[in-house]
Amino acid sequence: MKVGDLVKSRAIKNPAAGLIVDIIQKKCWRTHILGKSVNWEKIEPEPHAVVLIGEDYRTIPITDLELICEG
């Protein structure tokens, strides 16, 4: 995925479409895999998209996005 792509979140029921405006690196603690006790030193940053949905910007892991249309 890249800037300009139209996407929707796989993690939300009936998600709204959004436009990727930036790609950044961020750490994401996944409790369903790693448990509740957070240790940021155990994980590496992963790609996240800054997505414009309506008038809001949301930072969403790339792995949680579904491509609708390439920009």
N, C-alpha and C. Protein backbone atom coordinates (compact mmCIF):
# COMPACT_ATOMS: atom_id res chain seq x y z
N MET A 1 0.84 -1.18 0.00
CA MET A 1 0.00 0.00 0.00
C MET A 1 0.88 1.24 0.00
N LYS A 2 0.32 2.30 -0.52
CA LYS A 2 1.10 3.53 -0.64
C LYS A 2 0.20 4.75 -0.48
N VAL A 3 0.84 5.90 -0.36
CA VAL A 3 0.10 7.17 -0.26
C VAL A 3 -0.78 7.32 -1.49
N GLY A 4 -2.03 7.71 -1.27
CA GLY A 4 -2.97 7.90 -2.36
C GLY A 4 -3.93 6.73 -2.55
N ASP A 5 -3.67 5.60 -1.90
CA ASP A 5 -4.57 4.44 -2.02
C ASP A 5 -5.82 4.65 -1.17
N LEU A 6 -6.93 4.11 -1.65
CA LEU A 6 -8.20 4.12 -0.92
C LEU A 6 -8.30 2.78 -0.20
N VAL A 7 -8.54 2.84 1.12
CA VAL A 7 -8.52 1.63 1.94
C VAL A 7 -9.71 1.62 2.92
N LYS A 8 -9.89 0.44 3.56
CA LYS A 8 -10.82 0.34 4.67
C LYS A 8 -10.20 -0.59 5.70
N SER A 9 -10.63 -0.46 6.94
CA SER A 9 -10.08 -1.26 8.03
C SER A 9 -10.73 -2.63 8.08
N ARG A 10 -9.93 -3.66 8.28
CA ARG A 10 -10.45 -5.01 8.46
C ARG A 10 -10.93 -5.21 9.89
N ALA A 11 -10.49 -4.37 10.80
CA ALA A 11 -10.76 -4.55 12.23
C ALA A 11 -12.10 -3.95 12.67
N ILE A 12 -12.77 -3.20 11.79
CA ILE A 12 -14.01 -2.51 12.14
C ILE A 12 -15.16 -3.08 11.32
N LYS A 13 -16.29 -3.34 11.97
CA LYS A 13 -17.47 -3.80 11.24
C LYS A 13 -18.07 -2.61 10.50
N ASN A 14 -18.39 -2.78 9.22
CA ASN A 14 -18.92 -1.72 8.36
C ASN A 14 -18.02 -0.47 8.34
N PRO A 15 -16.75 -0.63 7.97
CA PRO A 15 -15.82 0.50 8.00
C PRO A 15 -16.07 1.50 6.87
N ALA A 16 -15.74 2.75 7.16
CA ALA A 16 -15.79 3.79 6.13
C ALA A 16 -14.48 3.73 5.34
N ALA A 17 -14.54 4.13 4.09
CA ALA A 17 -13.33 4.19 3.26
C ALA A 17 -12.50 5.39 3.68
N GLY A 18 -11.18 5.27 3.49
CA GLY A 18 -10.28 6.36 3.81
C GLY A 18 -9.14 6.43 2.82
N LEU A 19 -8.46 7.56 2.80
CA LEU A 19 -7.36 7.82 1.88
C LEU A 19 -6.05 7.82 2.67
N ILE A 20 -5.08 7.01 2.22
CA ILE A 20 -3.76 7.02 2.87
C ILE A 20 -3.04 8.31 2.49
N VAL A 21 -2.63 9.07 3.54
CA VAL A 21 -1.93 10.34 3.31
C VAL A 21 -0.46 10.28 3.73
N ASP A 22 -0.08 9.23 4.49
CA ASP A 22 1.31 9.09 4.90
C ASP A 22 1.53 7.65 5.39
N ILE A 23 2.77 7.19 5.31
CA ILE A 23 3.18 5.90 5.84
C ILE A 23 4.25 6.17 6.89
N ILE A 24 4.07 5.64 8.11
CA ILE A 24 5.02 5.86 9.19
C ILE A 24 5.38 4.51 9.84
N GLN A 25 6.37 4.52 10.70
CA GLN A 25 6.77 3.34 11.47
C GLN A 25 6.37 3.58 12.93
N LYS A 26 5.68 2.59 13.51
CA LYS A 26 5.22 2.70 14.89
C LYS A 26 5.22 1.32 15.52
N LYS A 27 5.37 1.28 16.84
CA LYS A 27 5.25 0.01 17.54
C LYS A 27 3.78 -0.24 17.86
N CYS A 28 3.40 -1.52 17.83
CA CYS A 28 2.01 -1.89 18.09
C CYS A 28 2.01 -3.15 18.96
N TRP A 29 1.50 -3.04 20.17
CA TRP A 29 1.45 -4.18 21.08
C TRP A 29 0.14 -4.93 20.86
N ARG A 30 0.25 -6.15 20.39
CA ARG A 30 -0.94 -6.97 20.10
C ARG A 30 -1.21 -7.91 21.27
N THR A 31 -2.16 -7.52 22.11
CA THR A 31 -2.44 -8.27 23.34
C THR A 31 -2.90 -9.70 23.07
N HIS A 32 -3.60 -9.94 21.97
CA HIS A 32 -4.07 -11.29 21.68
C HIS A 32 -2.92 -12.25 21.34
N ILE A 33 -1.76 -11.70 20.99
CA ILE A 33 -0.59 -12.52 20.69
C ILE A 33 0.44 -12.45 21.83
N LEU A 34 0.70 -11.24 22.32
CA LEU A 34 1.79 -11.00 23.27
C LEU A 34 1.36 -10.92 24.73
N GLY A 35 0.06 -10.91 24.99
CA GLY A 35 -0.43 -10.81 26.36
C GLY A 35 -0.64 -9.38 26.80
N LYS A 36 -1.12 -9.23 28.04
CA LYS A 36 -1.48 -7.91 28.55
C LYS A 36 -0.31 -7.11 29.09
N SER A 37 0.75 -7.79 29.48
CA SER A 37 1.91 -7.12 30.06
C SER A 37 2.77 -6.53 28.94
N VAL A 38 2.75 -5.21 28.81
CA VAL A 38 3.43 -4.52 27.72
C VAL A 38 4.92 -4.37 28.01
N ASN A 39 5.76 -4.73 27.04
CA ASN A 39 7.20 -4.53 27.10
C ASN A 39 7.64 -4.04 25.72
N TRP A 40 7.75 -2.73 25.56
CA TRP A 40 8.06 -2.13 24.26
C TRP A 40 9.41 -2.56 23.70
N GLU A 41 10.33 -3.01 24.57
CA GLU A 41 11.65 -3.43 24.10
C GLU A 41 11.60 -4.76 23.34
N LYS A 42 10.52 -5.52 23.48
CA LYS A 42 10.39 -6.82 22.82
C LYS A 42 10.00 -6.73 21.35
N ILE A 43 9.49 -5.58 20.92
CA ILE A 43 8.95 -5.50 19.56
C ILE A 43 9.63 -4.41 18.75
N GLU A 44 9.58 -4.59 17.44
CA GLU A 44 10.13 -3.63 16.49
C GLU A 44 8.99 -2.79 15.90
N PRO A 45 9.30 -1.58 15.44
CA PRO A 45 8.26 -0.79 14.76
C PRO A 45 7.79 -1.49 13.49
N GLU A 46 6.55 -1.25 13.12
CA GLU A 46 5.97 -1.81 11.90
C GLU A 46 5.28 -0.69 11.12
N PRO A 47 5.06 -0.88 9.83
CA PRO A 47 4.43 0.18 9.03
C PRO A 47 2.98 0.42 9.43
N HIS A 48 2.64 1.70 9.56
CA HIS A 48 1.28 2.15 9.82
C HIS A 48 0.93 3.18 8.74
N ALA A 49 -0.33 3.24 8.41
CA ALA A 49 -0.80 4.26 7.46
C ALA A 49 -1.53 5.35 8.24
N VAL A 50 -1.28 6.59 7.86
CA VAL A 50 -2.09 7.69 8.36
C VAL A 50 -3.22 7.83 7.35
N VAL A 51 -4.45 7.56 7.80
CA VAL A 51 -5.60 7.47 6.91
C VAL A 51 -6.57 8.61 7.20
N LEU A 52 -6.96 9.33 6.16
CA LEU A 52 -7.95 10.39 6.28
C LEU A 52 -9.32 9.77 6.05
N ILE A 53 -10.15 9.77 7.11
CA ILE A 53 -11.51 9.24 7.03
C ILE A 53 -12.43 10.38 7.42
N GLY A 54 -13.18 10.88 6.46
CA GLY A 54 -13.99 12.08 6.71
C GLY A 54 -13.08 13.25 7.00
N GLU A 55 -13.20 13.83 8.20
CA GLU A 55 -12.34 14.94 8.61
C GLU A 55 -11.30 14.51 9.64
N ASP A 56 -11.23 13.20 9.93
CA ASP A 56 -10.33 12.68 10.96
C ASP A 56 -9.14 11.94 10.35
N TYR A 57 -7.98 12.07 10.99
CA TYR A 57 -6.80 11.30 10.63
C TYR A 57 -6.66 10.17 11.64
N ARG A 58 -6.48 8.95 11.16
CA ARG A 58 -6.30 7.79 12.03
C ARG A 58 -5.04 7.05 11.62
N THR A 59 -4.31 6.58 12.61
CA THR A 59 -3.11 5.80 12.35
C THR A 59 -3.47 4.33 12.53
N ILE A 60 -3.34 3.56 11.45
CA ILE A 60 -3.79 2.17 11.43
C ILE A 60 -2.65 1.30 10.89
N PRO A 61 -2.38 0.15 11.57
CA PRO A 61 -1.36 -0.75 11.04
C PRO A 61 -1.72 -1.20 9.62
N ILE A 62 -0.73 -1.27 8.75
CA ILE A 62 -0.94 -1.70 7.37
C ILE A 62 -1.59 -3.08 7.31
N THR A 63 -1.22 -3.96 8.25
CA THR A 63 -1.77 -5.32 8.26
C THR A 63 -3.26 -5.35 8.53
N ASP A 64 -3.80 -4.26 9.10
CA ASP A 64 -5.24 -4.19 9.41
C ASP A 64 -6.04 -3.49 8.32
N LEU A 65 -5.40 -3.17 7.19
CA LEU A 65 -6.08 -2.45 6.12
C LEU A 65 -6.35 -3.35 4.92
N GLU A 66 -7.43 -3.04 4.22
CA GLU A 66 -7.78 -3.72 2.98
C GLU A 66 -7.82 -2.68 1.86
N LEU A 67 -7.13 -2.96 0.78
CA LEU A 67 -7.07 -2.06 -0.36
C LEU A 67 -8.38 -2.08 -1.12
N ILE A 68 -8.94 -0.90 -1.37
CA ILE A 68 -10.15 -0.76 -2.18
C ILE A 68 -9.79 -0.38 -3.61
N CYS A 69 -8.92 0.63 -3.72
CA CYS A 69 -8.52 1.14 -5.03
C CYS A 69 -7.14 1.77 -4.94
N GLU A 70 -6.27 1.45 -5.88
CA GLU A 70 -4.94 2.07 -5.90
C GLU A 70 -5.05 3.49 -6.40
N GLY A 71 -4.24 4.36 -5.76
CA GLY A 71 -4.25 5.76 -6.12
C GLY A 71 -3.29 6.13 -7.19
